[in-house]
N, C-alpha and C. Protein backbone atom coordinates (compact mmCIF):
# COMPACT_ATOMS: atom_id res chain seq x y z
N MET A 1 -67.35 -54.35 -26.15
CA MET A 1 -68.41 -53.74 -26.48
C MET A 1 -69.61 -54.66 -25.78
N SER A 2 -70.46 -54.05 -25.23
CA SER A 2 -71.62 -54.89 -24.66
C SER A 2 -72.99 -55.01 -25.55
N TYR A 3 -73.55 -56.06 -25.43
CA TYR A 3 -74.89 -56.20 -25.91
C TYR A 3 -76.04 -55.74 -25.18
N ILE A 4 -76.88 -54.98 -25.98
CA ILE A 4 -78.05 -54.31 -25.46
C ILE A 4 -79.22 -54.88 -26.39
N ASN A 5 -80.28 -55.13 -25.52
CA ASN A 5 -81.36 -55.77 -26.20
C ASN A 5 -82.33 -54.46 -26.68
N ALA A 6 -82.46 -54.34 -27.98
CA ALA A 6 -83.20 -53.34 -28.64
C ALA A 6 -84.59 -53.13 -28.01
N ASP A 7 -85.26 -54.30 -27.80
CA ASP A 7 -86.52 -54.30 -27.08
C ASP A 7 -86.71 -53.58 -25.89
N GLU A 8 -85.62 -53.47 -25.22
CA GLU A 8 -85.54 -52.70 -23.82
C GLU A 8 -85.12 -51.31 -24.04
N LEU A 9 -84.66 -51.09 -25.15
CA LEU A 9 -84.06 -49.66 -25.11
C LEU A 9 -84.86 -48.79 -26.15
N LEU A 10 -85.20 -49.29 -27.26
CA LEU A 10 -85.88 -48.40 -28.55
C LEU A 10 -87.27 -48.34 -28.19
N PRO A 11 -87.77 -47.14 -28.81
CA PRO A 11 -89.23 -47.18 -28.66
C PRO A 11 -89.99 -48.09 -29.58
N PRO A 12 -91.11 -48.59 -29.50
CA PRO A 12 -91.78 -49.64 -30.29
C PRO A 12 -91.83 -49.44 -31.77
N GLU A 13 -92.05 -48.18 -32.19
CA GLU A 13 -92.15 -47.68 -33.61
C GLU A 13 -90.78 -47.70 -34.44
N LEU A 14 -89.70 -47.28 -33.35
CA LEU A 14 -88.41 -47.58 -34.02
C LEU A 14 -87.83 -48.89 -34.21
N LEU A 15 -88.18 -49.82 -33.05
CA LEU A 15 -87.64 -51.21 -33.14
C LEU A 15 -88.62 -51.98 -34.54
N GLN A 16 -89.93 -51.52 -34.68
CA GLN A 16 -90.68 -52.09 -35.73
C GLN A 16 -89.98 -51.72 -36.97
N GLU A 17 -89.41 -50.44 -37.24
CA GLU A 17 -88.72 -50.00 -38.38
C GLU A 17 -87.58 -50.83 -38.70
N LEU A 18 -86.80 -51.00 -37.59
CA LEU A 18 -85.54 -51.83 -37.60
C LEU A 18 -85.66 -53.21 -38.03
N GLN A 19 -86.82 -53.84 -37.57
CA GLN A 19 -87.06 -55.08 -37.77
C GLN A 19 -87.55 -55.21 -39.32
N SER A 20 -87.96 -54.29 -40.03
CA SER A 20 -88.26 -54.45 -41.53
C SER A 20 -87.10 -54.47 -42.14
N TYR A 21 -85.65 -54.06 -41.72
CA TYR A 21 -84.39 -54.43 -42.35
C TYR A 21 -83.84 -55.55 -41.83
N VAL A 22 -83.78 -55.68 -40.58
CA VAL A 22 -83.05 -56.94 -39.97
C VAL A 22 -83.68 -57.54 -38.68
N GLN A 23 -83.59 -58.89 -38.60
CA GLN A 23 -84.27 -59.47 -37.42
C GLN A 23 -83.20 -60.61 -37.06
N GLY A 24 -83.24 -60.56 -35.57
CA GLY A 24 -82.39 -61.60 -34.94
C GLY A 24 -80.82 -61.59 -35.39
N SER A 25 -80.33 -60.60 -35.52
CA SER A 25 -78.93 -60.32 -35.94
C SER A 25 -78.49 -59.30 -35.05
N LEU A 26 -77.05 -59.31 -34.91
CA LEU A 26 -76.41 -58.14 -34.27
C LEU A 26 -76.07 -56.93 -35.17
N ILE A 27 -76.32 -55.80 -35.03
CA ILE A 27 -75.74 -54.59 -35.94
C ILE A 27 -75.00 -53.64 -35.15
N TYR A 28 -74.18 -53.13 -35.77
CA TYR A 28 -73.32 -52.05 -35.08
C TYR A 28 -73.92 -50.65 -35.57
N ILE A 29 -73.75 -49.92 -34.47
CA ILE A 29 -74.31 -48.49 -34.59
C ILE A 29 -73.27 -47.50 -34.40
N PRO A 30 -72.55 -47.05 -35.41
CA PRO A 30 -71.44 -46.10 -35.18
C PRO A 30 -71.65 -44.90 -34.30
N ARG A 31 -70.64 -44.37 -34.03
CA ARG A 31 -70.76 -43.04 -33.08
C ARG A 31 -71.05 -41.97 -33.87
N GLU A 32 -71.66 -40.91 -33.18
CA GLU A 32 -71.90 -39.74 -34.10
C GLU A 32 -70.84 -39.17 -34.54
N ASP A 33 -70.74 -38.30 -35.69
CA ASP A 33 -69.71 -37.78 -36.43
C ASP A 33 -68.76 -36.90 -35.54
N GLY A 34 -69.18 -36.48 -34.73
CA GLY A 34 -68.34 -35.41 -33.81
C GLY A 34 -67.57 -36.10 -32.80
N GLU A 35 -67.76 -37.37 -32.51
CA GLU A 35 -66.89 -38.06 -31.59
C GLU A 35 -65.79 -38.83 -32.27
N LYS A 36 -64.52 -38.34 -31.61
CA LYS A 36 -63.28 -38.89 -32.23
C LYS A 36 -63.01 -40.38 -31.74
N ARG A 37 -62.77 -41.23 -32.47
CA ARG A 37 -62.39 -42.74 -32.27
C ARG A 37 -61.05 -42.72 -31.94
N LEU A 38 -60.72 -43.33 -30.72
CA LEU A 38 -59.30 -43.43 -30.20
C LEU A 38 -58.70 -44.62 -31.12
N GLU A 39 -57.37 -44.52 -31.25
CA GLU A 39 -56.63 -45.73 -31.94
C GLU A 39 -56.60 -46.74 -30.96
N TRP A 40 -56.27 -47.88 -31.44
CA TRP A 40 -56.11 -49.16 -30.65
C TRP A 40 -55.09 -48.72 -29.55
N GLY A 41 -55.18 -49.22 -28.31
CA GLY A 41 -54.19 -49.06 -27.13
C GLY A 41 -53.93 -47.69 -26.94
N ALA A 42 -54.65 -46.57 -27.39
CA ALA A 42 -54.36 -45.19 -27.07
C ALA A 42 -54.82 -44.95 -25.43
N ARG A 43 -55.89 -45.52 -25.15
CA ARG A 43 -56.55 -45.23 -23.65
C ARG A 43 -55.50 -45.90 -22.82
N SER A 44 -55.19 -47.31 -22.87
CA SER A 44 -54.41 -48.21 -22.11
C SER A 44 -52.98 -47.70 -22.17
N GLY A 45 -52.35 -47.26 -23.22
CA GLY A 45 -50.99 -46.80 -23.24
C GLY A 45 -50.43 -47.97 -23.92
N ALA A 46 -50.91 -49.27 -24.40
CA ALA A 46 -50.37 -50.08 -25.10
C ALA A 46 -49.60 -49.62 -26.38
N ARG A 47 -50.34 -48.99 -27.14
CA ARG A 47 -49.72 -48.49 -28.44
C ARG A 47 -48.33 -47.99 -28.06
N GLU A 48 -48.27 -46.91 -27.19
CA GLU A 48 -46.99 -46.23 -26.92
C GLU A 48 -45.84 -47.29 -26.47
N SER A 49 -46.43 -48.25 -25.70
CA SER A 49 -45.42 -49.28 -25.16
C SER A 49 -44.79 -50.08 -26.40
N PHE A 50 -45.82 -50.40 -27.23
CA PHE A 50 -45.33 -51.29 -28.36
C PHE A 50 -44.53 -50.42 -29.32
N ASP A 51 -44.68 -49.22 -29.59
CA ASP A 51 -44.00 -48.19 -30.48
C ASP A 51 -42.52 -48.04 -29.72
N ARG A 52 -42.62 -48.01 -28.38
CA ARG A 52 -41.13 -47.84 -27.89
C ARG A 52 -40.46 -49.12 -28.06
N ARG A 53 -41.05 -50.23 -27.71
CA ARG A 53 -40.46 -51.57 -27.93
C ARG A 53 -39.79 -51.70 -29.35
N ASN A 54 -40.65 -51.52 -30.24
CA ASN A 54 -40.27 -51.46 -31.58
C ASN A 54 -39.01 -50.57 -32.02
N ALA A 55 -38.95 -49.34 -31.50
CA ALA A 55 -37.93 -48.58 -31.58
C ALA A 55 -36.66 -49.05 -31.14
N GLU A 56 -36.78 -49.74 -29.91
CA GLU A 56 -35.55 -50.44 -29.26
C GLU A 56 -35.14 -51.51 -30.17
N ILE A 57 -36.10 -52.29 -30.73
CA ILE A 57 -35.48 -53.26 -31.64
C ILE A 57 -34.90 -52.90 -32.80
N ARG A 58 -35.39 -51.70 -33.40
CA ARG A 58 -34.85 -51.25 -34.74
C ARG A 58 -33.35 -50.82 -34.32
N ALA A 59 -33.27 -50.12 -33.06
CA ALA A 59 -31.96 -49.40 -32.77
C ALA A 59 -30.92 -50.66 -32.50
N ALA A 60 -31.57 -51.69 -31.94
CA ALA A 60 -30.52 -52.83 -31.62
C ALA A 60 -30.09 -53.54 -32.80
N LYS A 61 -30.92 -53.62 -33.85
CA LYS A 61 -30.55 -54.12 -35.09
C LYS A 61 -29.60 -53.33 -35.67
N ALA A 62 -29.67 -52.01 -35.80
CA ALA A 62 -28.96 -51.14 -36.38
C ALA A 62 -27.63 -51.07 -35.70
N GLN A 63 -27.39 -51.53 -34.51
CA GLN A 63 -26.24 -51.57 -33.80
C GLN A 63 -25.47 -53.06 -34.03
N GLY A 64 -26.09 -53.73 -34.89
CA GLY A 64 -25.49 -55.27 -35.15
C GLY A 64 -26.13 -56.22 -34.54
N ARG A 65 -27.19 -56.30 -33.69
CA ARG A 65 -27.71 -57.54 -33.18
C ARG A 65 -28.43 -58.32 -33.90
N LYS A 66 -28.35 -59.59 -33.97
CA LYS A 66 -28.91 -60.52 -34.84
C LYS A 66 -30.45 -60.64 -34.29
N ILE A 67 -31.17 -61.04 -35.35
CA ILE A 67 -32.75 -61.25 -35.40
C ILE A 67 -33.01 -62.27 -34.36
N ASP A 68 -32.17 -63.48 -34.36
CA ASP A 68 -32.75 -64.54 -33.40
C ASP A 68 -32.28 -64.11 -31.99
N GLU A 69 -31.34 -63.25 -31.72
CA GLU A 69 -31.14 -62.70 -30.16
C GLU A 69 -32.17 -61.71 -30.07
N LEU A 70 -32.76 -60.84 -30.79
CA LEU A 70 -33.81 -60.07 -30.53
C LEU A 70 -35.03 -60.74 -30.29
N ALA A 71 -35.24 -61.86 -30.95
CA ALA A 71 -36.47 -62.58 -30.72
C ALA A 71 -36.42 -63.20 -29.42
N ASP A 72 -35.40 -63.77 -29.05
CA ASP A 72 -35.35 -64.38 -27.77
C ASP A 72 -35.27 -63.46 -26.51
N GLU A 73 -34.72 -62.15 -26.68
CA GLU A 73 -34.71 -61.26 -25.74
C GLU A 73 -36.11 -60.63 -25.70
N TYR A 74 -36.73 -60.43 -26.70
CA TYR A 74 -38.24 -59.66 -26.63
C TYR A 74 -39.51 -60.60 -26.60
N GLY A 75 -39.08 -62.07 -26.62
CA GLY A 75 -40.09 -63.04 -26.55
C GLY A 75 -41.15 -62.96 -27.82
N LEU A 76 -40.44 -62.87 -29.00
CA LEU A 76 -40.98 -62.63 -30.22
C LEU A 76 -40.56 -63.88 -31.23
N SER A 77 -41.07 -64.12 -32.19
CA SER A 77 -40.69 -65.06 -33.11
C SER A 77 -39.71 -64.38 -34.26
N PRO A 78 -38.72 -65.00 -34.80
CA PRO A 78 -37.77 -64.20 -35.58
C PRO A 78 -38.72 -63.66 -36.67
N GLY A 79 -39.85 -64.06 -37.29
CA GLY A 79 -40.68 -63.45 -38.27
C GLY A 79 -41.16 -62.13 -37.83
N GLY A 80 -41.76 -62.20 -36.40
CA GLY A 80 -42.18 -61.13 -35.66
C GLY A 80 -41.28 -59.96 -35.75
N ILE A 81 -40.00 -60.14 -35.49
CA ILE A 81 -38.93 -59.25 -35.38
C ILE A 81 -38.65 -58.73 -36.89
N ARG A 82 -38.81 -59.40 -37.88
CA ARG A 82 -38.56 -59.15 -39.34
C ARG A 82 -39.69 -57.93 -39.64
N LYS A 83 -41.14 -58.53 -39.26
CA LYS A 83 -41.98 -57.58 -39.49
C LYS A 83 -41.85 -56.11 -39.01
N ILE A 84 -41.19 -56.09 -37.77
CA ILE A 84 -41.01 -54.81 -37.02
C ILE A 84 -40.05 -54.10 -37.74
N LEU A 85 -38.95 -54.74 -38.30
CA LEU A 85 -37.79 -54.34 -38.80
C LEU A 85 -38.02 -53.84 -40.31
N TYR A 86 -38.72 -54.66 -41.05
CA TYR A 86 -38.80 -54.58 -42.43
C TYR A 86 -40.28 -54.32 -42.98
N GLY A 87 -41.08 -54.51 -42.19
CA GLY A 87 -42.64 -54.31 -42.85
C GLY A 87 -43.21 -53.00 -42.60
N ASN A 88 -44.29 -52.89 -43.22
CA ASN A 88 -45.06 -51.57 -43.26
C ASN A 88 -45.47 -51.13 -41.74
N SER A 89 -44.60 -50.46 -40.80
CA SER A 89 -45.06 -50.14 -39.72
C SER A 89 -45.70 -48.89 -39.51
N ARG A 90 -46.11 -48.69 -38.37
CA ARG A 90 -46.84 -47.19 -37.90
C ARG A 90 -45.52 -46.31 -37.94
N LYS A 91 -45.80 -45.41 -37.50
CA LYS A 91 -44.66 -44.17 -37.23
C LYS A 91 -43.70 -44.84 -36.58
N ARG A 92 -42.51 -44.56 -36.81
CA ARG A 92 -41.35 -44.97 -36.19
C ARG A 92 -40.74 -43.85 -35.40
N ILE A 93 -40.62 -44.25 -33.87
CA ILE A 93 -39.98 -43.38 -33.10
C ILE A 93 -38.38 -43.38 -33.03
N ALA A 94 -37.89 -42.33 -33.23
CA ALA A 94 -36.37 -42.27 -33.08
C ALA A 94 -35.70 -42.47 -31.72
């Protein structure tokens, strides 16, 4: 997210009104209601990649693989593998 100087963007009367509420701070202005916000990783494909990896990890564990083996194979900590296996994960891909 980029920083925009309100002094360069907003009309003086709107800037003055905003300054009556906040000065010298960053504020977040949300999108209009009609615009749908994408989930994390949706645009880059990262979410799909992690979901696929997590499904592979669950399947390997179901076939008897040990947590330490999976941690080494996927470059994660044993705790990270446990979170994937037993934590409150997002949707699970079969």
